[in-house]
Amino acid sequence: MPTMIKKDLKKFMKELKLHYDDVWHVPSSEYLKKPDFVVVDPKTGKKIKVSFVSLDDGEVVSVVYDELS
């Protein structure tokens, strides 16, 4: 089970984009089948799943996300 983070989604996405150059909304990504974590907005209950895409040497090259239904 992925880690759950409770935080305002707009604020979280803004912070994520500050730290990573490539942040992509890719609903059909294979990386999202087992996300690294799920962010839950405590006010609205809306959720997004997030995964880091990394190279074989461990360097993170981008982040993919999608909303959970």
Protein backbone atom coordinates (compact mmCIF):
# COMPACT_ATOMS: atom_id res chain seq x y z
CA MET A 1 0.00 0.00 0.00
CA PRO A 2 1.41 3.42 -0.94
CA THR A 3 2.09 6.16 1.57
CA MET A 4 -0.85 8.52 2.19
CA ILE A 5 -0.19 12.27 2.52
CA LYS A 6 -2.91 14.64 3.72
CA LYS A 7 -2.37 18.05 2.15
CA ASP A 8 -4.10 20.67 0.01
CA LEU A 9 -3.75 19.34 -3.56
CA LYS A 10 -3.16 22.71 -5.25
CA LYS A 11 -0.44 23.61 -2.76
CA PHE A 12 1.13 20.16 -3.04
CA MET A 13 1.26 20.26 -6.85
CA LYS A 14 2.74 23.77 -6.79
CA GLU A 15 5.50 22.61 -4.42
CA LEU A 16 6.15 19.48 -6.47
CA LYS A 17 6.58 21.54 -9.65
CA LEU A 18 9.04 23.82 -7.85
CA HIS A 19 11.34 20.89 -7.04
CA TYR A 20 11.01 18.79 -10.21
CA ASP A 21 11.36 20.01 -13.80
CA ASP A 22 9.12 17.41 -15.39
CA VAL A 23 5.74 16.83 -13.74
CA TRP A 24 3.26 15.11 -16.05
CA HIS A 25 -0.43 14.25 -15.83
CA VAL A 26 -0.40 10.79 -17.45
CA PRO A 27 -3.54 8.80 -16.54
CA SER A 28 -2.57 5.63 -18.39
CA SER A 29 1.04 5.47 -17.14
CA GLU A 30 2.35 2.06 -16.11
CA TYR A 31 4.16 3.82 -13.24
CA LEU A 32 0.82 4.63 -11.60
CA LYS A 33 -0.26 1.01 -11.23
CA LYS A 34 1.82 0.97 -8.02
CA PRO A 35 2.13 4.65 -7.06
CA ASP A 36 4.85 5.87 -4.69
CA PHE A 37 2.26 7.79 -2.70
CA VAL A 38 -1.32 9.07 -2.68
CA VAL A 39 -2.16 12.65 -1.70
CA VAL A 40 -5.54 13.27 -0.07
CA ASP A 41 -7.02 16.74 0.27
CA PRO A 42 -8.47 16.75 3.82
CA LYS A 43 -11.11 19.37 2.94
CA THR A 44 -12.50 17.86 -0.26
CA GLY A 45 -11.47 14.21 -0.01
CA LYS A 46 -10.07 14.41 -3.57
CA LYS A 47 -7.08 12.10 -4.16
CA ILE A 48 -4.20 11.94 -6.61
CA LYS A 49 -1.65 9.19 -7.05
CA VAL A 50 1.98 10.12 -7.69
CA SER A 51 4.98 8.14 -8.92
CA PHE A 52 8.59 9.10 -9.48
CA VAL A 53 10.15 7.95 -12.75
CA SER A 54 13.82 7.17 -12.30
CA LEU A 55 16.71 5.85 -14.36
CA ASP A 56 18.53 2.62 -13.54
CA ASP A 57 21.09 4.59 -11.50
CA GLY A 58 18.31 5.99 -9.30
CA GLU A 59 18.24 9.53 -10.69
CA VAL A 60 14.68 10.90 -10.75
CA VAL A 61 13.92 12.23 -14.21
CA SER A 62 10.23 13.06 -13.91
CA VAL A 63 7.07 12.72 -11.86
CA VAL A 64 3.73 11.37 -13.14
CA TYR A 65 0.35 11.77 -11.47
CA ASP A 66 -3.35 11.19 -11.97
CA GLU A 67 -6.56 11.66 -10.01
CA LEU A 68 -8.15 8.68 -8.30
CA SER A 69 -11.82 8.14 -9.01
